[in-house]
Structure formats: C-alpha cells, structure tokens
Amino acid sequence: MLTTESRAPELEFVDTAGRPWRLSDQRDARATLLYFMRSTACPICNLHVRDLVARRDDFDDENIHVAIVVPEDPAAGLAWKTKRGIPFPVLTGATGSAHESVGLTRRVFGSMQQSGTVLVDSAGIVRHAHGSTLPTGGYDKKGIVAAIRELSDARK
C-alpha cells in the first residue's frame, strides 16, 4: 500500500468511455481522492460512494477531484455509474489491476479484493493512504477529512 508522504506513482487508468485517465493530469486540483471499491456489487462500498457523493460540494469547495476506481471492466463500471447516478469519474485498470497499482491486493486465498482510499496532492505527494481487506474499513472518512484539513492549514 502506498504510504503517506511518499511520492505517488504515475497512475494510469481508463474511464468508462475508454479514455485514458492519468493522475498527473489532475494537477489543476489541490488534491485528488481515489476510492478503490472492492467491487461494484459490494453493498458497503456502495454506501461509502454515497457518502462521497453527498460530500461532493465540500470536495468542490476544497478543489479536491474525486474518482472511483473499480476492479471490473469499463462497461461494467459505466453500467454501475449510470444506474447509481455517480457524478465522479469511474476508472478501471489500463493494464492489469488498478488496485494493485497502489498496493491493494486480493486476500483470503485470493477471494477478497482489498478496498481503500488514497489522497494525492497537486505535487504528487500522498497525503492519505488507507486500505483494508474488510470493506467496512476501506473508507477512512475521518482520516480523509483530517488530511484535507491539513492541506487547508498548509495554505494559510
């Protein structure tokens, strides 16, 4: 798993329209928050996404880009995004596993995809990284809020 204060790798994903999405292209935002879902069918992960959607105005006010990363292919990601009305980009791996690109692997004999959150600032530095095998622990809301607050405090 990526660690806080480390330099983020050049993450490259594909959006639901099949277009490339690169973390380095997001530098116009103060930070980019990536939420890696266990799967689009995970009810806990879907609750976490609903919370992100409900907090959209807060993220916009702080100039934080949000993207949801799913382990399925772009077509499945698009169907899920459309059905749920997700306003954020939904991304999949460009080559291989998007989750593995940040250190989120499959655990429990390969049956359980880890989920997690990564916040990367405009300089490419990881400001928050958290992962979990159990989906209830993959979305660290308090940690995300604290990391965004630290970004805000650093501006003052």
C-alpha atoms as a PDB file:
ATOM      1  CA  MET A   1       0.000   0.000   0.000  1.00  0.00           C
ATOM      2  CA  LEU A   2       1.207   3.499  -0.736  1.00  0.00           C
ATOM      3  CA  THR A   3       2.373   5.391   2.327  1.00  0.00           C
ATOM      4  CA  THR A   4       1.639   8.924   3.452  1.00  0.00           C
ATOM      5  CA  GLU A   5       4.290  11.485   2.445  1.00  0.00           C
ATOM      6  CA  SER A   6       5.613   9.226  -0.339  1.00  0.00           C
ATOM      7  CA  ARG A   7       5.585  10.229  -3.996  1.00  0.00           C
ATOM      8  CA  ALA A   8       2.639   8.691  -5.821  1.00  0.00           C
ATOM      9  CA  PRO A   9       3.474   6.526  -8.822  1.00  0.00           C
ATOM     10  CA  GLU A  10       2.263   7.635 -12.239  1.00  0.00           C
ATOM     11  CA  LEU A  11      -1.171   6.078 -12.007  1.00  0.00           C
ATOM     12  CA  GLU A  12      -2.860   5.425 -15.332  1.00  0.00           C
ATOM     13  CA  PHE A  13      -6.412   4.185 -15.576  1.00  0.00           C
ATOM     14  CA  VAL A  14      -9.203   4.055 -18.162  1.00  0.00           C
ATOM     15  CA  ASP A  15     -12.518   5.850 -17.664  1.00  0.00           C
ATOM     16  CA  THR A  16     -15.906   4.379 -18.545  1.00  0.00           C
ATOM     17  CA  ALA A  17     -15.731   5.899 -22.047  1.00  0.00           C
ATOM     18  CA  GLY A  18     -12.447   4.095 -22.680  1.00  0.00           C
ATOM     19  CA  ARG A  19     -10.356   7.283 -22.448  1.00  0.00           C
ATOM     20  CA  PRO A  20      -7.048   7.286 -20.575  1.00  0.00           C
ATOM     21  CA  TRP A  21      -7.034   8.938 -17.137  1.00  0.00           C
ATOM     22  CA  ARG A  22      -3.715   9.891 -15.554  1.00  0.00           C
ATOM     23  CA  LEU A  23      -3.121  11.136 -12.040  1.00  0.00           C
ATOM     24  CA  SER A  24      -0.549  13.595 -13.400  1.00  0.00           C
ATOM     25  CA  ASP A  25      -3.306  15.239 -15.478  1.00  0.00           C
ATOM     26  CA  GLN A  26      -5.161  16.160 -12.274  1.00  0.00           C
ATOM     27  CA  ARG A  27      -2.587  18.698 -11.056  1.00  0.00           C
ATOM     28  CA  ASP A  28      -5.037  21.598 -11.519  1.00  0.00           C
ATOM     29  CA  ALA A  29      -6.793  20.360  -8.356  1.00  0.00           C
ATOM     30  CA  ARG A  30      -5.375  20.873  -4.861  1.00  0.00           C
ATOM     31  CA  ALA A  31      -5.611  17.112  -4.461  1.00  0.00           C
ATOM     32  CA  THR A  32      -7.205  14.025  -5.971  1.00  0.00           C
ATOM     33  CA  LEU A  33      -9.055  11.479  -3.852  1.00  0.00           C
ATOM     34  CA  LEU A  34      -9.238   7.955  -5.258  1.00  0.00           C
ATOM     35  CA  TYR A  35     -11.643   5.480  -3.694  1.00  0.00           C
ATOM     36  CA  PHE A  36     -10.872   1.889  -4.658  1.00  0.00           C
ATOM     37  CA  MET A  37     -14.014  -0.248  -4.358  1.00  0.00           C
ATOM     38  CA  ARG A  38     -13.870  -3.969  -3.633  1.00  0.00           C
ATOM     39  CA  SER A  39     -16.473  -4.399  -6.375  1.00  0.00           C
ATOM     40  CA  THR A  40     -19.458  -2.521  -7.764  1.00  0.00           C
ATOM     41  CA  ALA A  41     -21.684  -5.168  -6.136  1.00  0.00           C
ATOM     42  CA  CYS A  42     -20.266  -4.562  -2.635  1.00  0.00           C
ATOM     43  CA  PRO A  43     -23.074  -3.003  -0.547  1.00  0.00           C
ATOM     44  CA  ILE A  44     -20.646  -1.464   1.964  1.00  0.00           C
ATOM     45  CA  CYS A  45     -18.542   0.062  -0.814  1.00  0.00           C
ATOM     46  CA  ASN A  46     -21.712   1.492  -2.353  1.00  0.00           C
ATOM     47  CA  LEU A  47     -22.557   3.132   0.994  1.00  0.00           C
ATOM     48  CA  HIS A  48     -19.110   4.705   1.014  1.00  0.00           C
ATOM     49  CA  VAL A  49     -19.620   6.028  -2.515  1.00  0.00           C
ATOM     50  CA  ARG A  50     -22.978   7.505  -1.473  1.00  0.00           C
ATOM     51  CA  ASP A  51     -21.165   9.366   1.303  1.00  0.00           C
ATOM     52  CA  LEU A  52     -18.622  10.707  -1.196  1.00  0.00           C
ATOM     53  CA  VAL A  53     -21.461  11.853  -3.467  1.00  0.00           C
ATOM     54  CA  ALA A  54     -23.232  13.524  -0.518  1.00  0.00           C
ATOM     55  CA  ARG A  55     -19.990  15.397   0.270  1.00  0.00           C
ATOM     56  CA  ARG A  56     -19.432  16.498  -3.338  1.00  0.00           C
ATOM     57  CA  ASP A  57     -19.932  20.199  -2.561  1.00  0.00           C
ATOM     58  CA  ASP A  58     -17.348  20.002   0.237  1.00  0.00           C
ATOM     59  CA  PHE A  59     -14.835  18.453  -2.153  1.00  0.00           C
ATOM     60  CA  ASP A  60     -15.626  21.069  -4.810  1.00  0.00           C
ATOM     61  CA  ASP A  61     -15.175  23.876  -2.252  1.00  0.00           C
ATOM     62  CA  GLU A  62     -11.727  22.498  -1.404  1.00  0.00           C
ATOM     63  CA  ASN A  63     -10.842  21.881  -5.100  1.00  0.00           C
ATOM     64  CA  ILE A  64     -10.480  18.147  -4.480  1.00  0.00           C
ATOM     65  CA  HIS A  65     -11.089  15.900  -7.502  1.00  0.00           C
ATOM     66  CA  VAL A  66     -12.741  12.586  -6.635  1.00  0.00           C
ATOM     67  CA  ALA A  67     -12.586   9.426  -8.727  1.00  0.00           C
ATOM     68  CA  ILE A  68     -13.956   5.954  -8.034  1.00  0.00           C
ATOM     69  CA  VAL A  69     -11.789   3.001  -9.070  1.00  0.00           C
ATOM     70  CA  VAL A  70     -13.479  -0.349  -9.678  1.00  0.00           C
ATOM     71  CA  PRO A  71     -11.950  -3.758 -10.427  1.00  0.00           C
ATOM     72  CA  GLU A  72     -14.462  -4.514 -13.189  1.00  0.00           C
ATOM     73  CA  ASP A  73     -14.090  -3.556 -16.854  1.00  0.00           C
ATOM     74  CA  PRO A  74     -15.159  -0.150 -18.276  1.00  0.00           C
ATOM     75  CA  ALA A  75     -18.545  -1.466 -19.498  1.00  0.00           C
ATOM     76  CA  ALA A  76     -19.459  -2.770 -16.042  1.00  0.00           C
ATOM     77  CA  GLY A  77     -18.178   0.461 -14.492  1.00  0.00           C
ATOM     78  CA  LEU A  78     -20.341   2.519 -16.852  1.00  0.00           C
ATOM     79  CA  ALA A  79     -23.451   0.447 -16.117  1.00  0.00           C
ATOM     80  CA  TRP A  80     -22.886   0.867 -12.370  1.00  0.00           C
ATOM     81  CA  LYS A  81     -22.143   4.611 -12.686  1.00  0.00           C
ATOM     82  CA  THR A  82     -25.256   5.206 -14.809  1.00  0.00           C
ATOM     83  CA  LYS A  83     -27.579   3.160 -12.605  1.00  0.00           C
ATOM     84  CA  ARG A  84     -26.410   4.923  -9.447  1.00  0.00           C
ATOM     85  CA  GLY A  85     -26.037   8.426 -10.932  1.00  0.00           C
ATOM     86  CA  ILE A  86     -22.407   8.760  -9.858  1.00  0.00           C
ATOM     87  CA  PRO A  87     -21.113  12.257 -10.721  1.00  0.00           C
ATOM     88  CA  PHE A  88     -17.424  11.328 -10.403  1.00  0.00           C
ATOM     89  CA  PRO A  89     -15.209   9.626 -12.964  1.00  0.00           C
ATOM     90  CA  VAL A  90     -15.299   5.840 -12.628  1.00  0.00           C
ATOM     91  CA  LEU A  91     -11.992   4.244 -13.533  1.00  0.00           C
ATOM     92  CA  THR A  92     -10.603   0.787 -14.241  1.00  0.00           C
ATOM     93  CA  GLY A  93      -7.114  -0.553 -14.826  1.00  0.00           C
ATOM     94  CA  ALA A  94      -5.486   0.452 -18.114  1.00  0.00           C
ATOM     95  CA  THR A  95      -3.268  -2.607 -17.930  1.00  0.00           C
ATOM     96  CA  GLY A  96      -3.650  -5.125 -15.154  1.00  0.00           C
ATOM     97  CA  SER A  97      -5.219  -4.418 -11.806  1.00  0.00           C
ATOM     98  CA  ALA A  98      -5.847  -0.784 -10.899  1.00  0.00           C
ATOM     99  CA  HIS A  99      -5.957  -1.794  -7.247  1.00  0.00           C
ATOM    100  CA  GLU A 100      -2.563  -3.488  -7.337  1.00  0.00           C
ATOM    101  CA  SER A 101      -1.037  -0.260  -8.712  1.00  0.00           C
ATOM    102  CA  VAL A 102      -1.446   1.238  -5.216  1.00  0.00           C
ATOM    103  CA  GLY A 103      -0.796  -1.961  -3.273  1.00  0.00           C
ATOM    104  CA  LEU A 104      -4.374  -3.163  -2.746  1.00  0.00           C
ATOM    105  CA  THR A 105      -4.298  -6.892  -3.419  1.00  0.00           C
ATOM    106  CA  ARG A 106      -6.612  -9.860  -3.218  1.00  0.00           C
ATOM    107  CA  ARG A 107      -6.517 -11.538   0.209  1.00  0.00           C
ATOM    108  CA  VAL A 108      -8.115 -14.548   1.888  1.00  0.00           C
ATOM    109  CA  PHE A 109      -6.790 -17.031  -0.664  1.00  0.00           C
ATOM    110  CA  GLY A 110      -7.457 -14.551  -3.473  1.00  0.00           C
ATOM    111  CA  SER A 111     -11.182 -14.330  -2.806  1.00  0.00           C
ATOM    112  CA  MET A 112     -11.366 -10.839  -1.252  1.00  0.00           C
ATOM    113  CA  GLN A 113     -10.283  -7.695  -3.113  1.00  0.00           C
ATOM    114  CA  GLN A 114      -8.984  -5.032  -0.740  1.00  0.00           C
ATOM    115  CA  SER A 115     -10.591  -1.592  -0.873  1.00  0.00           C
ATOM    116  CA  GLY A 116      -9.101   1.738   0.150  1.00  0.00           C
ATOM    117  CA  THR A 117      -8.627   5.452  -0.278  1.00  0.00           C
ATOM    118  CA  VAL A 118      -5.673   7.491  -1.500  1.00  0.00           C
ATOM    119  CA  LEU A 119      -5.412  11.303  -1.407  1.00  0.00           C
ATOM    120  CA  VAL A 120      -2.633  12.774  -3.575  1.00  0.00           C
ATOM    121  CA  ASP A 121      -1.834  16.496  -3.585  1.00  0.00           C
ATOM    122  CA  SER A 122      -1.068  18.573  -6.687  1.00  0.00           C
ATOM    123  CA  ALA A 123       2.672  17.960  -6.247  1.00  0.00           C
ATOM    124  CA  GLY A 124       2.129  14.204  -6.464  1.00  0.00           C
ATOM    125  CA  ILE A 125       2.674  13.524  -2.759  1.00  0.00           C
ATOM    126  CA  VAL A 126       0.430  11.012  -0.992  1.00  0.00           C
ATOM    127  CA  ARG A 127      -1.335  12.851   1.849  1.00  0.00           C
ATOM    128  CA  HIS A 128      -3.531   9.948   2.952  1.00  0.00           C
ATOM    129  CA  ALA A 129      -3.473   6.238   2.164  1.00  0.00           C
ATOM    130  CA  HIS A 130      -5.627   3.594   3.776  1.00  0.00           C
ATOM    131  CA  GLY A 131      -6.594   0.093   2.754  1.00  0.00           C
ATOM    132  CA  SER A 132      -8.478  -2.812   4.248  1.00  0.00           C
ATOM    133  CA  THR A 133      -9.429  -6.365   3.430  1.00  0.00           C
ATOM    134  CA  LEU A 134     -12.821  -5.888   5.085  1.00  0.00           C
ATOM    135  CA  PRO A 135     -14.908  -3.374   3.117  1.00  0.00           C
ATOM    136  CA  THR A 136     -16.121  -1.690   6.309  1.00  0.00           C
ATOM    137  CA  GLY A 137     -12.567  -0.443   6.857  1.00  0.00           C
ATOM    138  CA  GLY A 138     -11.678   0.635   3.316  1.00  0.00           C
ATOM    139  CA  TYR A 139     -13.136   4.140   3.576  1.00  0.00           C
ATOM    140  CA  ASP A 140     -11.434   6.150   6.316  1.00  0.00           C
ATOM    141  CA  LYS A 141     -13.689   9.208   6.399  1.00  0.00           C
ATOM    142  CA  LYS A 142     -12.025  10.730   9.475  1.00  0.00           C
ATOM    143  CA  GLY A 143      -8.568  10.235   8.001  1.00  0.00           C
ATOM    144  CA  ILE A 144      -9.618  11.819   4.713  1.00  0.00           C
ATOM    145  CA  VAL A 145     -11.172  14.816   6.483  1.00  0.00           C
ATOM    146  CA  ALA A 146      -8.015  15.266   8.593  1.00  0.00           C
ATOM    147  CA  ALA A 147      -5.740  15.076   5.533  1.00  0.00           C
ATOM    148  CA  ILE A 148      -7.849  17.647   3.665  1.00  0.00           C
ATOM    149  CA  ARG A 149      -7.820  19.882   6.746  1.00  0.00           C
ATOM    150  CA  GLU A 150      -4.006  19.651   6.813  1.00  0.00           C
ATOM    151  CA  LEU A 151      -3.930  20.708   3.154  1.00  0.00           C
ATOM    152  CA  SER A 152      -6.136  23.683   4.040  1.00  0.00           C
ATOM    153  CA  ASP A 153      -3.997  24.596   7.061  1.00  0.00           C
ATOM    154  CA  ALA A 154      -0.864  24.489   4.914  1.00  0.00           C
ATOM    155  CA  ARG A 155      -2.398  27.103   2.582  1.00  0.00           C
ATOM    156  CA  LYS A 156      -2.842  29.609   5.397  1.00  0.00           C
END
